[in-house]
């Protein structure tokens, strides 16, 4: 079972992502939060295998959240997410250390593929 933590400020988006993820019986969302500045504590609490991080959260940038996650668990794979599929979020996501970037409008197959690749320590392609 692959354990996933979702960090996104929008409750509806978190629920949509969870619904898509849990279509695969081998994936489980173990935690959700709307504030990225608690990311380190959440990793210790939920012990996820993969974290999805929104790069458009107010008050806490995705970059800061990924950096905090890497301080708490350096090897933890992080996937950046955003409603905006522009190059800026993709570049910032990669520079921050996320191993992939998925637009939130992506279909379930693309999201699940990115999570599976991240949990297998493979470098996924850009899922756009």
N, C-alpha and C. Protein backbone atom coordinates (compact mmCIF):
# COMPACT_ATOMS: atom_id res chain seq x y z
N UNK A 1 0.85 -1.18 0.00
CA UNK A 1 0.00 0.00 0.00
C UNK A 1 0.89 1.24 0.00
N UNK A 2 0.64 2.16 -0.94
CA UNK A 2 1.36 3.42 -1.01
C UNK A 2 0.56 4.47 -0.24
N UNK A 3 1.24 5.10 0.72
CA UNK A 3 0.59 6.08 1.60
C UNK A 3 0.86 7.50 1.06
N UNK A 4 -0.22 8.27 0.89
CA UNK A 4 -0.12 9.60 0.29
C UNK A 4 -0.62 10.67 1.26
N UNK A 5 0.10 11.78 1.34
CA UNK A 5 -0.31 12.97 2.07
C UNK A 5 -0.61 14.05 1.06
N UNK A 6 -1.75 14.73 1.21
CA UNK A 6 -2.14 15.82 0.32
C UNK A 6 -2.09 17.13 1.09
N UNK A 7 -1.34 18.10 0.57
CA UNK A 7 -1.28 19.44 1.16
C UNK A 7 -1.80 20.41 0.11
N UNK A 8 -2.99 20.93 0.36
CA UNK A 8 -3.68 21.83 -0.58
C UNK A 8 -4.65 22.69 0.22
N UNK A 9 -4.71 23.98 -0.07
CA UNK A 9 -5.56 24.88 0.70
C UNK A 9 -7.05 24.74 0.40
N UNK A 10 -7.41 24.04 -0.66
CA UNK A 10 -8.81 23.94 -1.09
C UNK A 10 -9.38 22.57 -0.73
N UNK A 11 -10.37 22.55 0.15
CA UNK A 11 -10.99 21.30 0.60
C UNK A 11 -11.56 20.51 -0.56
N UNK A 12 -12.23 21.17 -1.50
CA UNK A 12 -12.82 20.45 -2.64
C UNK A 12 -11.74 19.80 -3.51
N UNK A 13 -10.64 20.49 -3.69
CA UNK A 13 -9.53 19.92 -4.47
C UNK A 13 -8.94 18.73 -3.74
N UNK A 14 -8.75 18.86 -2.42
CA UNK A 14 -8.22 17.72 -1.65
C UNK A 14 -9.13 16.51 -1.79
N UNK A 15 -10.42 16.73 -1.71
CA UNK A 15 -11.38 15.61 -1.83
C UNK A 15 -11.36 15.01 -3.24
N UNK A 16 -11.24 15.87 -4.27
CA UNK A 16 -11.19 15.38 -5.64
C UNK A 16 -9.92 14.55 -5.85
N UNK A 17 -8.77 15.05 -5.37
CA UNK A 17 -7.53 14.31 -5.50
C UNK A 17 -7.62 12.96 -4.78
N UNK A 18 -8.17 12.99 -3.57
CA UNK A 18 -8.33 11.75 -2.80
C UNK A 18 -9.21 10.75 -3.56
N UNK A 19 -10.31 11.23 -4.12
CA UNK A 19 -11.21 10.35 -4.87
C UNK A 19 -10.48 9.71 -6.05
N UNK A 20 -9.72 10.50 -6.78
CA UNK A 20 -8.96 9.97 -7.93
C UNK A 20 -7.91 8.96 -7.48
N UNK A 21 -7.19 9.30 -6.43
CA UNK A 21 -6.12 8.43 -5.94
C UNK A 21 -6.67 7.09 -5.47
N UNK A 22 -7.76 7.14 -4.73
CA UNK A 22 -8.27 5.91 -4.13
C UNK A 22 -9.07 5.04 -5.10
N UNK A 23 -9.08 5.42 -6.38
CA UNK A 23 -9.60 4.52 -7.40
C UNK A 23 -8.68 3.31 -7.54
N UNK A 24 -7.42 3.49 -7.16
CA UNK A 24 -6.45 2.41 -7.18
C UNK A 24 -6.43 1.77 -5.79
N UNK A 25 -6.72 0.49 -5.69
CA UNK A 25 -6.81 -0.15 -4.37
C UNK A 25 -5.47 -0.23 -3.63
N UNK A 26 -4.36 0.02 -4.32
CA UNK A 26 -3.05 -0.03 -3.67
C UNK A 26 -2.57 1.34 -3.19
N UNK A 27 -3.41 2.36 -3.35
CA UNK A 27 -3.07 3.72 -2.91
C UNK A 27 -4.02 4.14 -1.81
N UNK A 28 -3.47 4.82 -0.81
CA UNK A 28 -4.29 5.27 0.32
C UNK A 28 -3.87 6.68 0.72
N UNK A 29 -4.84 7.59 0.82
CA UNK A 29 -4.58 8.93 1.34
C UNK A 29 -4.63 8.82 2.86
N UNK A 30 -3.47 9.03 3.50
CA UNK A 30 -3.39 8.88 4.95
C UNK A 30 -3.58 10.19 5.69
N UNK A 31 -3.47 11.32 4.96
CA UNK A 31 -3.64 12.60 5.61
C UNK A 31 -3.82 13.71 4.61
N UNK A 32 -4.45 14.79 5.10
CA UNK A 32 -4.69 15.98 4.29
C UNK A 32 -4.47 17.19 5.18
N UNK A 33 -4.04 18.28 4.58
CA UNK A 33 -3.94 19.53 5.32
C UNK A 33 -4.01 20.69 4.36
N UNK A 34 -4.47 21.85 4.87
CA UNK A 34 -4.60 23.01 4.00
C UNK A 34 -3.47 24.01 4.19
N UNK A 35 -2.57 23.76 5.11
CA UNK A 35 -1.51 24.72 5.38
C UNK A 35 -0.15 24.04 5.22
N UNK A 36 0.66 24.55 4.31
CA UNK A 36 1.94 23.94 4.02
C UNK A 36 2.98 24.11 5.11
N UNK A 37 2.83 25.10 6.00
CA UNK A 37 3.88 25.32 6.99
C UNK A 37 3.86 24.31 8.13
N UNK A 38 2.96 23.34 8.08
CA UNK A 38 2.94 22.24 9.05
C UNK A 38 3.46 20.95 8.41
N UNK A 39 4.03 21.06 7.23
CA UNK A 39 4.38 19.88 6.44
C UNK A 39 5.30 18.92 7.20
N UNK A 40 6.32 19.45 7.87
CA UNK A 40 7.24 18.58 8.60
C UNK A 40 6.54 17.78 9.67
N UNK A 41 5.66 18.42 10.42
CA UNK A 41 4.90 17.72 11.46
C UNK A 41 3.98 16.66 10.86
N UNK A 42 3.39 16.98 9.72
CA UNK A 42 2.48 16.03 9.08
C UNK A 42 3.20 14.78 8.60
N UNK A 43 4.42 14.95 8.12
CA UNK A 43 5.22 13.81 7.67
C UNK A 43 5.50 12.89 8.85
N UNK A 44 5.86 13.47 9.99
CA UNK A 44 6.12 12.65 11.17
C UNK A 44 4.85 11.95 11.66
N UNK A 45 3.73 12.63 11.56
CA UNK A 45 2.46 12.06 12.03
C UNK A 45 1.96 10.95 11.11
N UNK A 46 1.94 11.18 9.79
CA UNK A 46 1.30 10.25 8.85
C UNK A 46 2.26 9.27 8.18
N UNK A 47 3.56 9.58 8.18
CA UNK A 47 4.57 8.72 7.55
C UNK A 47 4.19 8.31 6.11
N UNK A 48 3.96 9.31 5.26
CA UNK A 48 3.57 9.01 3.87
C UNK A 48 4.74 8.50 3.04
N UNK A 49 4.40 7.84 1.94
CA UNK A 49 5.40 7.41 0.96
C UNK A 49 5.59 8.48 -0.12
N UNK A 50 4.54 9.28 -0.35
CA UNK A 50 4.54 10.33 -1.37
C UNK A 50 3.70 11.49 -0.83
N UNK A 51 4.11 12.72 -1.16
CA UNK A 51 3.34 13.91 -0.77
C UNK A 51 2.98 14.70 -2.02
N UNK A 52 1.71 15.11 -2.11
CA UNK A 52 1.26 16.04 -3.15
C UNK A 52 1.20 17.42 -2.52
N UNK A 53 1.84 18.41 -3.16
CA UNK A 53 1.90 19.77 -2.61
C UNK A 53 1.37 20.76 -3.64
N UNK A 54 0.37 21.53 -3.22
CA UNK A 54 -0.18 22.61 -4.04
C UNK A 54 0.85 23.74 -4.11
N UNK A 55 1.14 24.22 -5.31
CA UNK A 55 2.11 25.30 -5.48
C UNK A 55 1.44 26.67 -5.54
N UNK A 56 0.14 26.74 -5.28
CA UNK A 56 -0.57 28.02 -5.33
C UNK A 56 -1.24 28.34 -4.00
N UNK A 57 -0.71 27.85 -2.88
CA UNK A 57 -1.32 28.11 -1.58
C UNK A 57 -0.99 29.52 -1.09
N UNK A 58 -2.00 30.24 -0.59
CA UNK A 58 -1.71 31.56 -0.03
C UNK A 58 -0.98 31.41 1.31
N UNK A 59 -0.06 32.31 1.59
CA UNK A 59 0.60 32.32 2.88
C UNK A 59 1.77 31.35 3.01
N UNK A 60 1.82 30.36 2.18
CA UNK A 60 2.93 29.40 2.23
C UNK A 60 3.17 28.91 0.82
N UNK A 61 4.28 29.27 0.27
CA UNK A 61 4.54 28.86 -1.10
C UNK A 61 4.84 27.38 -1.17
N UNK A 62 4.60 26.81 -2.32
CA UNK A 62 4.93 25.41 -2.54
C UNK A 62 6.41 25.15 -2.33
N UNK A 63 7.23 26.10 -2.75
CA UNK A 63 8.68 25.96 -2.59
C UNK A 63 9.04 25.78 -1.11
N UNK A 64 8.50 26.64 -0.24
CA UNK A 64 8.79 26.55 1.19
C UNK A 64 8.31 25.21 1.75
N UNK A 65 7.16 24.78 1.30
CA UNK A 65 6.61 23.52 1.79
C UNK A 65 7.50 22.35 1.40
N UNK A 66 7.95 22.33 0.15
CA UNK A 66 8.83 21.24 -0.30
C UNK A 66 10.14 21.27 0.48
N UNK A 67 10.67 22.45 0.72
CA UNK A 67 11.92 22.55 1.48
C UNK A 67 11.73 22.02 2.90
N UNK A 68 10.61 22.35 3.53
CA UNK A 68 10.33 21.84 4.87
C UNK A 68 10.16 20.32 4.86
N UNK A 69 9.49 19.81 3.84
CA UNK A 69 9.33 18.36 3.72
C UNK A 69 10.69 17.67 3.59
N UNK A 70 11.57 18.25 2.79
CA UNK A 70 12.89 17.65 2.60
C UNK A 70 13.76 17.75 3.85
N UNK A 71 13.52 18.75 4.69
CA UNK A 71 14.23 18.82 5.97
C UNK A 71 13.75 17.72 6.90
N UNK A 72 12.45 17.47 6.90
CA UNK A 72 11.87 16.43 7.77
C UNK A 72 12.19 15.03 7.27
N UNK A 73 12.19 14.84 5.97
CA UNK A 73 12.41 13.52 5.37
C UNK A 73 13.07 13.71 4.01
N UNK A 74 14.39 13.78 3.97
CA UNK A 74 15.11 14.13 2.73
C UNK A 74 14.81 13.24 1.52
N UNK A 75 14.51 11.98 1.73
CA UNK A 75 14.27 11.06 0.61
C UNK A 75 12.80 10.98 0.19
N UNK A 76 11.92 11.69 0.88
CA UNK A 76 10.49 11.61 0.60
C UNK A 76 10.16 12.22 -0.76
N UNK A 77 9.56 11.46 -1.67
CA UNK A 77 9.20 12.03 -2.97
C UNK A 77 8.01 12.99 -2.85
N UNK A 78 8.16 14.14 -3.49
CA UNK A 78 7.13 15.17 -3.50
C UNK A 78 6.71 15.42 -4.94
N UNK A 79 5.40 15.51 -5.15
CA UNK A 79 4.85 15.85 -6.46
C UNK A 79 4.16 17.20 -6.31
N UNK A 80 4.56 18.17 -7.11
CA UNK A 80 3.92 19.48 -7.12
C UNK A 80 2.60 19.41 -7.88
N UNK A 81 1.62 20.17 -7.42
CA UNK A 81 0.33 20.25 -8.11
C UNK A 81 -0.09 21.71 -8.23
N UNK A 82 -0.93 21.99 -9.22
CA UNK A 82 -1.45 23.34 -9.41
C UNK A 82 -2.60 23.29 -10.40
N UNK A 83 -3.50 24.26 -10.28
CA UNK A 83 -4.53 24.43 -11.31
C UNK A 83 -3.93 25.08 -12.54
N UNK A 84 -2.82 25.79 -12.33
CA UNK A 84 -2.14 26.51 -13.41
C UNK A 84 -1.08 25.60 -14.02
N UNK A 85 -1.23 25.26 -15.28
CA UNK A 85 -0.25 24.37 -15.91
C UNK A 85 0.87 25.14 -16.62
N UNK A 86 1.06 26.39 -16.24
CA UNK A 86 2.10 27.20 -16.85
C UNK A 86 3.49 26.72 -16.48
N UNK A 87 4.44 27.13 -17.26
CA UNK A 87 5.83 26.74 -17.07
C UNK A 87 6.39 27.22 -15.73
N UNK A 88 5.88 28.35 -15.22
CA UNK A 88 6.42 28.91 -13.98
C UNK A 88 6.29 27.92 -12.83
N UNK A 89 5.09 27.38 -12.61
CA UNK A 89 4.91 26.42 -11.53
C UNK A 89 5.70 25.15 -11.76
N UNK A 90 5.79 24.72 -12.99
CA UNK A 90 6.58 23.53 -13.32
C UNK A 90 8.04 23.76 -12.95
N UNK A 91 8.60 24.89 -13.34
CA UNK A 91 10.00 25.19 -13.06
C UNK A 91 10.24 25.35 -11.57
N UNK A 92 9.38 26.10 -10.89
CA UNK A 92 9.52 26.30 -9.45
C UNK A 92 9.42 24.96 -8.72
N UNK A 93 8.50 24.12 -9.14
CA UNK A 93 8.32 22.81 -8.54
C UNK A 93 9.60 21.99 -8.64
N UNK A 94 10.17 21.94 -9.82
CA UNK A 94 11.40 21.18 -10.04
C UNK A 94 12.57 21.78 -9.26
N UNK A 95 12.69 23.12 -9.28
CA UNK A 95 13.78 23.77 -8.55
C UNK A 95 13.69 23.53 -7.05
N UNK A 96 12.48 23.43 -6.53
CA UNK A 96 12.27 23.20 -5.11
C UNK A 96 12.61 21.77 -4.71
N UNK A 97 12.67 20.87 -5.68
CA UNK A 97 13.02 19.49 -5.36
C UNK A 97 11.90 18.49 -5.58
N UNK A 98 10.76 18.95 -6.09
CA UNK A 98 9.68 18.01 -6.40
C UNK A 98 10.14 17.15 -7.57
N UNK A 99 9.77 15.87 -7.56
CA UNK A 99 10.23 15.00 -8.63
C UNK A 99 9.27 14.95 -9.81
N UNK A 100 8.09 15.53 -9.64
CA UNK A 100 7.15 15.60 -10.75
C UNK A 100 6.18 16.74 -10.49
N UNK A 101 5.40 17.06 -11.49
CA UNK A 101 4.40 18.12 -11.42
C UNK A 101 3.18 17.64 -12.18
N UNK A 102 2.02 17.71 -11.54
CA UNK A 102 0.77 17.26 -12.15
C UNK A 102 -0.26 18.38 -12.02
N UNK A 103 -0.88 18.76 -13.13
CA UNK A 103 -1.96 19.73 -13.03
C UNK A 103 -3.17 19.04 -12.42
N UNK A 104 -3.89 19.77 -11.62
CA UNK A 104 -5.01 19.17 -10.88
C UNK A 104 -6.12 18.68 -11.80
N UNK A 105 -6.18 19.21 -13.00
CA UNK A 105 -7.20 18.77 -13.95
C UNK A 105 -6.79 17.48 -14.67
N UNK A 106 -5.61 16.97 -14.39
CA UNK A 106 -5.15 15.75 -15.06
C UNK A 106 -6.12 14.61 -14.72
N UNK A 107 -6.17 13.65 -15.59
CA UNK A 107 -7.07 12.52 -15.32
C UNK A 107 -6.47 11.61 -14.26
N UNK A 108 -7.30 10.71 -13.75
CA UNK A 108 -6.89 9.80 -12.69
C UNK A 108 -5.68 8.97 -13.09
N UNK A 109 -5.63 8.54 -14.33
CA UNK A 109 -4.53 7.70 -14.79
C UNK A 109 -3.20 8.43 -14.67
N UNK A 110 -3.17 9.70 -15.08
CA UNK A 110 -1.93 10.49 -15.01
C UNK A 110 -1.49 10.70 -13.56
N UNK A 111 -2.43 11.00 -12.69
CA UNK A 111 -2.13 11.23 -11.29
C UNK A 111 -1.61 9.95 -10.64
N UNK A 112 -2.29 8.85 -10.86
CA UNK A 112 -1.89 7.57 -10.28
C UNK A 112 -0.52 7.14 -10.81
N UNK A 113 -0.29 7.36 -12.09
CA UNK A 113 1.00 7.01 -12.68
C UNK A 113 2.13 7.80 -12.01
N UNK A 114 1.93 9.09 -11.81
CA UNK A 114 2.95 9.93 -11.18
C UNK A 114 3.22 9.45 -9.75
N UNK A 115 2.17 9.12 -9.01
CA UNK A 115 2.33 8.64 -7.63
C UNK A 115 3.07 7.30 -7.60
N UNK A 116 2.68 6.40 -8.47
CA UNK A 116 3.34 5.08 -8.52
C UNK A 116 4.82 5.21 -8.86
N UNK A 117 5.12 6.06 -9.85
CA UNK A 117 6.52 6.26 -10.23
C UNK A 117 7.30 6.89 -9.08
N UNK A 118 6.71 7.87 -8.42
CA UNK A 118 7.38 8.53 -7.29
C UNK A 118 7.63 7.54 -6.16
N UNK A 119 6.67 6.69 -5.89
CA UNK A 119 6.84 5.73 -4.79
C UNK A 119 7.83 4.63 -5.14
N UNK A 120 8.09 4.45 -6.42
CA UNK A 120 9.06 3.45 -6.87
C UNK A 120 10.45 4.04 -7.03
N UNK A 121 10.60 5.31 -6.62
CA UNK A 121 11.87 6.03 -6.74
C UNK A 121 12.33 6.19 -8.18
N UNK A 122 11.39 6.18 -9.11
CA UNK A 122 11.71 6.45 -10.50
C UNK A 122 11.52 7.93 -10.75
N UNK A 123 12.24 8.47 -11.67
CA UNK A 123 12.05 9.87 -12.05
C UNK A 123 10.95 9.91 -13.11
N UNK A 124 9.74 10.33 -12.70
CA UNK A 124 8.66 10.36 -13.69
C UNK A 124 8.89 11.44 -14.73
N UNK A 125 8.26 11.26 -15.86
CA UNK A 125 8.24 12.32 -16.87
C UNK A 125 7.31 13.40 -16.39
N UNK A 126 7.28 14.48 -17.07
CA UNK A 126 6.40 15.58 -16.67
C UNK A 126 4.98 15.22 -17.06
N UNK A 127 4.10 15.17 -16.08
CA UNK A 127 2.72 14.80 -16.29
C UNK A 127 1.90 16.07 -16.44
N UNK A 128 1.69 16.49 -17.67
CA UNK A 128 1.00 17.76 -17.89
C UNK A 128 -0.23 17.56 -18.68
